[in-house]
PDB file of N, CA and C in Angstrom:
ATOM      1  N   MET A   1      71.411 110.735  76.753  1.00  0.00           N
ATOM      2  CA  MET A   1      72.289 110.139  77.567  1.00  0.00           C
ATOM      3  C   MET A   1      72.010 109.306  78.222  1.00  0.00           C
ATOM      4  N   SER A   2      72.733 108.291  78.114  1.00  0.00           N
ATOM      5  CA  SER A   2      72.489 107.180  79.181  1.00  0.00           C
ATOM      6  C   SER A   2      72.930 106.312  80.426  1.00  0.00           C
ATOM      7  N   GLU A   3      72.185 105.955  81.294  1.00  0.00           N
ATOM      8  CA  GLU A   3      72.281 106.323  82.301  1.00  0.00           C
ATOM      9  C   GLU A   3      73.897 105.408  82.977  1.00  0.00           C
ATOM     10  N   LEU A   4      74.362 105.994  84.024  1.00  0.00           N
ATOM     11  CA  LEU A   4      75.319 105.176  84.447  1.00  0.00           C
ATOM     12  C   LEU A   4      75.306 103.739  84.927  1.00  0.00           C
ATOM     13  N   SER A   5      76.227 102.624  85.173  1.00  0.00           N
ATOM     14  CA  SER A   5      75.856 101.594  85.510  1.00  0.00           C
ATOM     15  C   SER A   5      76.570 101.886  87.270  1.00  0.00           C
ATOM     16  N   ASP A   6      76.034 100.273  87.966  1.00  0.00           N
ATOM     17  CA  ASP A   6      76.269 100.703  89.371  1.00  0.00           C
ATOM     18  C   ASP A   6      77.946 100.744  89.171  1.00  0.00           C
ATOM     19  N   GLN A   7      78.893  99.720  88.537  1.00  0.00           N
ATOM     20  CA  GLN A   7      80.161  99.694  88.495  1.00  0.00           C
ATOM     21  C   GLN A   7      80.917 101.203  88.148  1.00  0.00           C
ATOM     22  N   GLU A   8      80.029 101.882  87.089  1.00  0.00           N
ATOM     23  CA  GLU A   8      80.202 102.935  86.513  1.00  0.00           C
ATOM     24  C   GLU A   8      80.538 103.931  87.701  1.00  0.00           C
ATOM     25  N   MET A   9      79.472 103.823  88.359  1.00  0.00           N
ATOM     26  CA  MET A   9      78.848 104.998  89.433  1.00  0.00           C
ATOM     27  C   MET A   9      80.242 104.781  90.630  1.00  0.00           C
ATOM     28  N   ARG A  10      80.416 103.728  90.881  1.00  0.00           N
ATOM     29  CA  ARG A  10      81.419 103.059  92.347  1.00  0.00           C
ATOM     30  C   ARG A  10      82.752 103.760  91.512  1.00  0.00           C
ATOM     31  N   PHE A  11      83.101 103.263  90.608  1.00  0.00           N
ATOM     32  CA  PHE A  11      84.362 104.051  90.103  1.00  0.00           C
ATOM     33  C   PHE A  11      84.075 105.320  90.568  1.00  0.00           C
ATOM     34  N   ALA A  12      83.615 106.327  89.825  1.00  0.00           N
ATOM     35  CA  ALA A  12      83.344 107.919  89.909  1.00  0.00           C
ATOM     36  C   ALA A  12      83.527 108.266  90.832  1.00  0.00           C
ATOM     37  N   GLU A  13      82.725 107.460  91.933  1.00  0.00           N
ATOM     38  CA  GLU A  13      82.565 107.802  93.452  1.00  0.00           C
ATOM     39  C   GLU A  13      84.158 107.839  94.275  1.00  0.00           C
ATOM     40  N   LEU A  14      84.942 106.927  93.706  1.00  0.00           N
ATOM     41  CA  LEU A  14      86.277 106.281  94.479  1.00  0.00           C
ATOM     42  C   LEU A  14      86.986 107.469  93.906  1.00  0.00           C
ATOM     43  N   SER A  15      87.000 107.434  92.376  1.00  0.00           N
ATOM     44  CA  SER A  15      87.902 108.519  91.984  1.00  0.00           C
ATOM     45  C   SER A  15      88.211 109.875  92.472  1.00  0.00           C
ATOM     46  N   GLN A  16      86.527 110.141  92.581  1.00  0.00           N
ATOM     47  CA  GLN A  16      85.944 111.462  93.713  1.00  0.00           C
ATOM     48  C   GLN A  16      87.022 111.517  94.920  1.00  0.00           C
ATOM     49  N   ARG A  17      86.860 110.660  95.548  1.00  0.00           N
ATOM     50  CA  ARG A  17      87.893 110.815  97.120  1.00  0.00           C
ATOM     51  C   ARG A  17      89.353 110.468  97.210  1.00  0.00           C
ATOM     52  N   TRP A  18      89.932 109.978  95.969  1.00  0.00           N
ATOM     53  CA  TRP A  18      91.469 109.933  95.920  1.00  0.00           C
ATOM     54  C   TRP A  18      92.116 111.124  95.415  1.00  0.00           C
ATOM     55  N   HIS A  19      91.313 112.246  94.953  1.00  0.00           N
ATOM     56  CA  HIS A  19      91.582 113.477  94.278  1.00  0.00           C
ATOM     57  C   HIS A  19      91.794 114.651  95.479  1.00  0.00           C
ATOM     58  N   GLY A  20      92.181 115.268  95.584  1.00  0.00           N
ATOM     59  CA  GLY A  20      92.314 117.050  96.443  1.00  0.00           C
ATOM     60  C   GLY A  20      93.361 116.564  97.791  1.00  0.00           C
ATOM     61  N   TRP A  21      93.483 117.555  98.983  1.00  0.00           N
ATOM     62  CA  TRP A  21      93.874 117.116 100.220  1.00  0.00           C
ATOM     63  C   TRP A  21      93.206 116.737 100.820  1.00  0.00           C
ATOM     64  N   GLY A  22      92.014 116.375 100.799  1.00  0.00           N
ATOM     65  CA  GLY A  22      91.549 115.072 101.687  1.00  0.00           C
ATOM     66  C   GLY A  22      92.161 113.625 101.138  1.00  0.00           C
ATOM     67  N   SER A  23      92.544 112.770 100.124  1.00  0.00           N
ATOM     68  CA  SER A  23      92.811 111.809  99.569  1.00  0.00           C
ATOM     69  C   SER A  23      94.250 111.675 100.522  1.00  0.00           C
ATOM     70  N   PRO A  24      94.594 110.089 100.797  1.00  0.00           N
ATOM     71  CA  PRO A  24      95.783 109.846 101.291  1.00  0.00           C
ATOM     72  C   PRO A  24      97.213 110.719 100.982  1.00  0.00           C
ATOM     73  N   VAL A  25      97.013 110.565  99.351  1.00  0.00           N
ATOM     74  CA  VAL A  25      97.900 111.262  99.212  1.00  0.00           C
ATOM     75  C   VAL A  25      98.607 112.728  99.192  1.00  0.00           C
ATOM     76  N   GLY A  26      96.756 113.438  99.395  1.00  0.00           N
ATOM     77  CA  GLY A  26      97.540 114.607  99.917  1.00  0.00           C
ATOM     78  C   GLY A  26      97.705 115.222 101.172  1.00  0.00           C
ATOM     79  N   LEU A  27      96.847 114.156 102.213  1.00  0.00           N
ATOM     80  CA  LEU A  27      97.128 113.948 103.235  1.00  0.00           C
ATOM     81  C   LEU A  27      98.741 113.819 103.738  1.00  0.00           C
ATOM     82  N   GLY A  28      99.667 113.298 103.157  1.00  0.00           N
ATOM     83  CA  GLY A  28     100.568 112.522 103.768  1.00  0.00           C
ATOM     84  C   GLY A  28     101.790 113.990 103.035  1.00  0.00           C
ATOM     85  N   LEU A  29     101.649 114.550 102.132  1.00  0.00           N
ATOM     86  CA  LEU A  29     102.323 115.740 100.944  1.00  0.00           C
ATOM     87  C   LEU A  29     101.827 116.820 101.917  1.00  0.00           C
ATOM     88  N   PHE A  30     101.087 117.218 102.928  1.00  0.00           N
ATOM     89  CA  PHE A  30     100.218 118.261 104.135  1.00  0.00           C
ATOM     90  C   PHE A  30     101.159 118.035 105.129  1.00  0.00           C
ATOM     91  N   VAL A  31     101.222 116.940 105.658  1.00  0.00           N
ATOM     92  CA  VAL A  31     101.745 116.014 106.660  1.00  0.00           C
ATOM     93  C   VAL A  31     103.528 116.462 106.565  1.00  0.00           C
ATOM     94  N   LEU A  32     103.984 116.020 105.601  1.00  0.00           N
ATOM     95  CA  LEU A  32     105.606 116.411 104.974  1.00  0.00           C
ATOM     96  C   LEU A  32     105.720 117.512 105.087  1.00  0.00           C
ATOM     97  N   CYS A  33     105.450 117.981 104.391  1.00  0.00           N
ATOM     98  CA  CYS A  33     105.693 120.063 104.295  1.00  0.00           C
ATOM     99  C   CYS A  33     105.206 120.185 105.961  1.00  0.00           C
ATOM    100  N   ALA A  34     104.503 119.935 106.597  1.00  0.00           N
ATOM    101  CA  ALA A  34     104.261 120.902 107.342  1.00  0.00           C
ATOM    102  C   ALA A  34     105.005 120.260 108.817  1.00  0.00           C
ATOM    103  N   ALA A  35     105.614 119.232 109.177  1.00  0.00           N
ATOM    104  CA  ALA A  35     106.894 118.773 109.448  1.00  0.00           C
ATOM    105  C   ALA A  35     108.162 119.502 108.130  1.00  0.00           C
ATOM    106  N   LEU A  36     108.236 119.929 107.408  1.00  0.00           N
ATOM    107  CA  LEU A  36     109.370 120.564 106.648  1.00  0.00           C
ATOM    108  C   LEU A  36     109.786 122.307 106.801  1.00  0.00           C
ATOM    109  N   ALA A  37     108.583 122.633 107.492  1.00  0.00           N
ATOM    110  CA  ALA A  37     108.348 123.586 107.742  1.00  0.00           C
ATOM    111  C   ALA A  37     108.725 123.936 109.128  1.00  0.00           C
ATOM    112  N   ALA A  38     108.283 123.014 109.915  1.00  0.00           N
ATOM    113  CA  ALA A  38     108.612 123.249 111.450  1.00  0.00           C
ATOM    114  C   ALA A  38     109.884 122.890 111.843  1.00  0.00           C
ATOM    115  N   ALA A  39     110.259 122.036 111.047  1.00  0.00           N
ATOM    116  CA  ALA A  39     112.144 121.965 111.314  1.00  0.00           C
ATOM    117  C   ALA A  39     112.651 122.886 110.671  1.00  0.00           C
ATOM    118  N   ALA A  40     112.334 123.826 109.860  1.00  0.00           N
ATOM    119  CA  ALA A  40     113.227 125.268 109.520  1.00  0.00           C
ATOM    120  C   ALA A  40     112.856 126.217 110.154  1.00  0.00           C
ATOM    121  N   LEU A  41     111.694 125.993 110.826  1.00  0.00           N
ATOM    122  CA  LEU A  41     111.465 127.273 112.085  1.00  0.00           C
ATOM    123  C   LEU A  41     112.418 126.909 113.113  1.00  0.00           C
ATOM    124  N   ILE A  42     112.331 125.890 113.152  1.00  0.00           N
ATOM    125  CA  ILE A  42     113.251 125.552 114.315  1.00  0.00           C
ATOM    126  C   ILE A  42     114.595 125.653 114.253  1.00  0.00           C
ATOM    127  N   GLY A  43     115.055 125.362 113.110  1.00  0.00           N
ATOM    128  CA  GLY A  43     116.497 125.546 112.580  1.00  0.00           C
ATOM    129  C   GLY A  43     116.809 127.229 112.427  1.00  0.00           C
ATOM    130  N   ALA A  44     116.089 127.992 111.965  1.00  0.00           N
ATOM    131  CA  ALA A  44     116.347 129.149 112.011  1.00  0.00           C
ATOM    132  C   ALA A  44     116.072 130.277 113.365  1.00  0.00           C
ATOM    133  N   LEU A  45     115.661 129.083 114.133  1.00  0.00           N
ATOM    134  CA  LEU A  45     115.428 130.339 115.894  1.00  0.00           C
ATOM    135  C   LEU A  45     116.615 129.742 116.312  1.00  0.00           C
ATOM    136  N   SER A  46     117.296 128.455 116.175  1.00  0.00           N
ATOM    137  CA  SER A  46     118.193 128.154 116.940  1.00  0.00           C
ATOM    138  C   SER A  46     119.439 128.565 116.380  1.00  0.00           C
ATOM    139  N   ILE A  47     119.554 129.263 115.510  1.00  0.00           N
ATOM    140  CA  ILE A  47     120.857 130.179 114.956  1.00  0.00           C
ATOM    141  C   ILE A  47     121.253 131.834 115.977  1.00  0.00           C
TER     142      ILE A  47
END
């Protein structure tokens, strides 16, 4: 096995940061889902 170059290591670290719920996309989806759930709850209670 060969050692990873500095560029490959940086890319690997960046790719790990952009996956899962901690990524900007994951956090955005979480906030969107939370807002939709709150709106649905408020709508259900006002009926």
